[in-house]
C-alpha atoms as a PDB file:
ATOM      1  CA  UNK A   1      70.449-172.055  77.240  1.00  0.00           C
ATOM      2  CA  UNK A   2      69.885-170.485  73.916  1.00  0.00           C
ATOM      3  CA  UNK A   3      70.108-166.828  73.639  1.00  0.00           C
ATOM      4  CA  UNK A   4      68.886-164.862  70.748  1.00  0.00           C
ATOM      5  CA  UNK A   5      69.173-161.047  69.820  1.00  0.00           C
ATOM      6  CA  UNK A   6      66.846-159.077  67.833  1.00  0.00           C
ATOM      7  CA  UNK A   7      67.932-158.172  64.547  1.00  0.00           C
ATOM      8  CA  UNK A   8      69.862-154.849  64.334  1.00  0.00           C
ATOM      9  CA  UNK A   9      71.119-152.528  61.775  1.00  0.00           C
ATOM     10  CA  UNK A  10      74.870-151.496  61.944  1.00  0.00           C
ATOM     11  CA  UNK A  11      76.330-148.040  61.332  1.00  0.00           C
ATOM     12  CA  UNK A  12      77.449-148.938  57.574  1.00  0.00           C
ATOM     13  CA  UNK A  13      73.995-149.864  56.348  1.00  0.00           C
ATOM     14  CA  UNK A  14      71.727-147.356  58.308  1.00  0.00           C
ATOM     15  CA  UNK A  15      72.441-143.852  56.739  1.00  0.00           C
ATOM     16  CA  UNK A  16      68.805-143.184  55.757  1.00  0.00           C
ATOM     17  CA  UNK A  17      67.424-144.711  59.018  1.00  0.00           C
ATOM     18  CA  UNK A  18      69.756-142.526  61.060  1.00  0.00           C
ATOM     19  CA  UNK A  19      68.755-139.449  58.959  1.00  0.00           C
ATOM     20  CA  UNK A  20      65.050-140.336  59.677  1.00  0.00           C
ATOM     21  CA  UNK A  21      65.487-140.777  63.201  1.00  0.00           C
ATOM     22  CA  UNK A  22      67.384-137.652  63.658  1.00  0.00           C
ATOM     23  CA  UNK A  23      64.929-135.608  61.541  1.00  0.00           C
ATOM     24  CA  UNK A  24      62.012-137.093  63.837  1.00  0.00           C
ATOM     25  CA  UNK A  25      63.945-136.425  66.924  1.00  0.00           C
ATOM     26  CA  UNK A  26      64.496-132.769  65.940  1.00  0.00           C
ATOM     27  CA  UNK A  27      60.959-132.161  64.887  1.00  0.00           C
ATOM     28  CA  UNK A  28      59.447-134.001  67.845  1.00  0.00           C
ATOM     29  CA  UNK A  29      61.865-132.350  70.404  1.00  0.00           C
ATOM     30  CA  UNK A  30      61.459-128.811  69.139  1.00  0.00           C
ATOM     31  CA  UNK A  31      57.655-129.424  68.996  1.00  0.00           C
ATOM     32  CA  UNK A  32      57.766-130.706  72.675  1.00  0.00           C
ATOM     33  CA  UNK A  33      59.835-127.666  73.862  1.00  0.00           C
ATOM     34  CA  UNK A  34      57.540-125.317  72.204  1.00  0.00           C
ATOM     35  CA  UNK A  35      54.645-126.705  73.930  1.00  0.00           C
ATOM     36  CA  UNK A  36      56.281-126.505  77.214  1.00  0.00           C
ATOM     37  CA  UNK A  37      57.449-122.993  76.800  1.00  0.00           C
ATOM     38  CA  UNK A  38      54.255-121.697  75.227  1.00  0.00           C
ATOM     39  CA  UNK A  39      51.284-123.868  76.176  1.00  0.00           C
ATOM     40  CA  UNK A  40      49.073-120.996  77.436  1.00  0.00           C
ATOM     41  CA  UNK A  41      49.742-118.904  74.403  1.00  0.00           C
ATOM     42  CA  UNK A  42      49.309-121.850  71.888  1.00  0.00           C
ATOM     43  CA  UNK A  43      46.258-123.158  73.901  1.00  0.00           C
ATOM     44  CA  UNK A  44      44.474-119.885  72.847  1.00  0.00           C
ATOM     45  CA  UNK A  45      45.782-119.779  69.309  1.00  0.00           C
ATOM     46  CA  UNK A  46      45.019-123.361  68.537  1.00  0.00           C
ATOM     47  CA  UNK A  47      41.962-124.036  70.532  1.00  0.00           C
ATOM     48  CA  UNK A  48      43.759-126.561  72.540  1.00  0.00           C
ATOM     49  CA  UNK A  49      43.880-126.713  76.522  1.00  0.00           C
ATOM     50  CA  UNK A  50      47.159-125.793  77.935  1.00  0.00           C
ATOM     51  CA  UNK A  51      46.551-128.470  80.550  1.00  0.00           C
ATOM     52  CA  UNK A  52      46.976-130.998  77.594  1.00  0.00           C
ATOM     53  CA  UNK A  53      49.780-129.301  75.843  1.00  0.00           C
ATOM     54  CA  UNK A  54      51.979-129.443  78.884  1.00  0.00           C
ATOM     55  CA  UNK A  55      52.027-133.461  79.288  1.00  0.00           C
ATOM     56  CA  UNK A  56      52.269-133.604  75.433  1.00  0.00           C
ATOM     57  CA  UNK A  57      55.282-131.419  75.600  1.00  0.00           C
ATOM     58  CA  UNK A  58      56.968-133.599  78.085  1.00  0.00           C
ATOM     59  CA  UNK A  59      56.130-136.693  76.271  1.00  0.00           C
ATOM     60  CA  UNK A  60      57.495-135.221  72.939  1.00  0.00           C
ATOM     61  CA  UNK A  61      60.650-133.778  74.426  1.00  0.00           C
ATOM     62  CA  UNK A  62      61.399-137.269  76.106  1.00  0.00           C
ATOM     63  CA  UNK A  63      60.482-139.034  72.789  1.00  0.00           C
ATOM     64  CA  UNK A  64      62.828-136.763  70.818  1.00  0.00           C
ATOM     65  CA  UNK A  65      65.707-137.306  73.180  1.00  0.00           C
ATOM     66  CA  UNK A  66      65.209-141.070  72.903  1.00  0.00           C
ATOM     67  CA  UNK A  67      65.243-140.867  69.176  1.00  0.00           C
ATOM     68  CA  UNK A  68      68.503-139.095  69.308  1.00  0.00           C
ATOM     69  CA  UNK A  69      69.971-141.670  71.421  1.00  0.00           C
ATOM     70  CA  UNK A  70      68.685-144.442  69.217  1.00  0.00           C
ATOM     71  CA  UNK A  71      69.778-142.884  66.037  1.00  0.00           C
ATOM     72  CA  UNK A  72      73.367-142.500  67.627  1.00  0.00           C
ATOM     73  CA  UNK A  73      73.949-145.862  68.615  1.00  0.00           C
ATOM     74  CA  UNK A  74      76.489-147.960  66.652  1.00  0.00           C
ATOM     75  CA  UNK A  75      73.853-150.678  66.178  1.00  0.00           C
ATOM     76  CA  UNK A  76      70.154-149.836  65.802  1.00  0.00           C
ATOM     77  CA  UNK A  77      67.635-152.325  67.033  1.00  0.00           C
ATOM     78  CA  UNK A  78      65.101-153.011  64.378  1.00  0.00           C
ATOM     79  CA  UNK A  79      62.588-153.831  67.137  1.00  0.00           C
ATOM     80  CA  UNK A  80      63.226-150.345  68.779  1.00  0.00           C
ATOM     81  CA  UNK A  81      62.632-148.653  65.434  1.00  0.00           C
ATOM     82  CA  UNK A  82      59.453-150.773  65.082  1.00  0.00           C
ATOM     83  CA  UNK A  83      58.196-149.283  68.420  1.00  0.00           C
ATOM     84  CA  UNK A  84      59.175-145.796  67.207  1.00  0.00           C
ATOM     85  CA  UNK A  85      57.169-146.478  64.089  1.00  0.00           C
ATOM     86  CA  UNK A  86      54.170-147.706  66.099  1.00  0.00           C
ATOM     87  CA  UNK A  87      54.080-144.626  68.258  1.00  0.00           C
ATOM     88  CA  UNK A  88      54.286-142.453  65.211  1.00  0.00           C
ATOM     89  CA  UNK A  89      51.309-144.081  63.512  1.00  0.00           C
ATOM     90  CA  UNK A  90      49.297-143.940  66.823  1.00  0.00           C
ATOM     91  CA  UNK A  91      50.012-140.091  66.792  1.00  0.00           C
ATOM     92  CA  UNK A  92      48.806-139.793  63.179  1.00  0.00           C
ATOM     93  CA  UNK A  93      45.856-141.879  63.895  1.00  0.00           C
ATOM     94  CA  UNK A  94      44.865-140.017  67.056  1.00  0.00           C
ATOM     95  CA  UNK A  95      45.340-136.629  65.266  1.00  0.00           C
ATOM     96  CA  UNK A  96      42.739-137.882  62.557  1.00  0.00           C
ATOM     97  CA  UNK A  97      40.438-138.970  65.357  1.00  0.00           C
ATOM     98  CA  UNK A  98      40.792-135.738  67.122  1.00  0.00           C
ATOM     99  CA  UNK A  99      39.840-133.902  63.930  1.00  0.00           C
ATOM    100  CA  UNK A 100      36.941-136.262  63.088  1.00  0.00           C
ATOM    101  CA  UNK A 101      35.267-136.500  66.354  1.00  0.00           C
ATOM    102  CA  UNK A 102      35.858-132.886  67.353  1.00  0.00           C
ATOM    103  CA  UNK A 103      37.665-133.676  70.696  1.00  0.00           C
ATOM    104  CA  UNK A 104      38.718-129.934  70.920  1.00  0.00           C
ATOM    105  CA  UNK A 105      37.207-126.724  69.857  1.00  0.00           C
ATOM    106  CA  UNK A 106      40.145-126.178  67.295  1.00  0.00           C
ATOM    107  CA  UNK A 107      40.575-122.828  65.556  1.00  0.00           C
ATOM    108  CA  UNK A 108      41.330-122.767  61.927  1.00  0.00           C
ATOM    109  CA  UNK A 109      45.136-122.462  62.783  1.00  0.00           C
ATOM    110  CA  UNK A 110      44.730-125.484  65.384  1.00  0.00           C
ATOM    111  CA  UNK A 111      43.199-127.617  62.676  1.00  0.00           C
ATOM    112  CA  UNK A 112      46.110-126.703  60.415  1.00  0.00           C
ATOM    113  CA  UNK A 113      48.523-127.535  63.091  1.00  0.00           C
ATOM    114  CA  UNK A 114      46.998-130.927  63.655  1.00  0.00           C
ATOM    115  CA  UNK A 115      47.026-131.809  59.961  1.00  0.00           C
ATOM    116  CA  UNK A 116      50.547-130.529  59.507  1.00  0.00           C
ATOM    117  CA  UNK A 117      51.867-132.498  62.295  1.00  0.00           C
ATOM    118  CA  UNK A 118      50.140-135.651  61.371  1.00  0.00           C
ATOM    119  CA  UNK A 119      51.657-135.357  57.826  1.00  0.00           C
ATOM    120  CA  UNK A 120      55.031-134.653  59.151  1.00  0.00           C
ATOM    121  CA  UNK A 121      54.872-137.647  61.481  1.00  0.00           C
ATOM    122  CA  UNK A 122      53.456-139.788  58.602  1.00  0.00           C
ATOM    123  CA  UNK A 123      56.615-138.563  56.515  1.00  0.00           C
ATOM    124  CA  UNK A 124      59.166-139.423  59.353  1.00  0.00           C
ATOM    125  CA  UNK A 125      57.455-142.780  59.580  1.00  0.00           C
ATOM    126  CA  UNK A 126      57.604-143.274  55.888  1.00  0.00           C
ATOM    127  CA  UNK A 127      61.533-142.432  55.911  1.00  0.00           C
ATOM    128  CA  UNK A 128      61.949-144.750  58.774  1.00  0.00           C
ATOM    129  CA  UNK A 129      60.310-147.561  57.033  1.00  0.00           C
ATOM    130  CA  UNK A 130      62.367-146.947  53.833  1.00  0.00           C
ATOM    131  CA  UNK A 131      65.593-146.859  56.237  1.00  0.00           C
ATOM    132  CA  UNK A 132      64.700-150.152  57.595  1.00  0.00           C
ATOM    133  CA  UNK A 133      64.223-151.687  54.196  1.00  0.00           C
ATOM    134  CA  UNK A 134      67.424-150.448  52.984  1.00  0.00           C
ATOM    135  CA  UNK A 135      69.377-151.659  56.020  1.00  0.00           C
END
């Protein structure tokens, strides 16, 4: 029987990747906790339904925690980072689609929030990609 393992990145060659994962974890987790704690207030401020912000808050909090765990591992799976980057790209695409299609009656502040989050997530993804390339 032949066993194979996914390519991985060790501790010594992953400084930028670890930084990118931690930065993403902090931003994502903090955002998720804010949504959970203030969904009703944010819903009115941004024009987003609180019923949407609660599950998004749960997802973002869990995703942020998973990113912290991934970034702290002695060996980082390139496949796992690929999944993280794919989720991030989907977030950016969904954000753009939400703006273009007018899924929600966003306020000006809500529109700015969606754009800022998409830009931040795109930046996290670019850093993760650069970290993978260096590793």
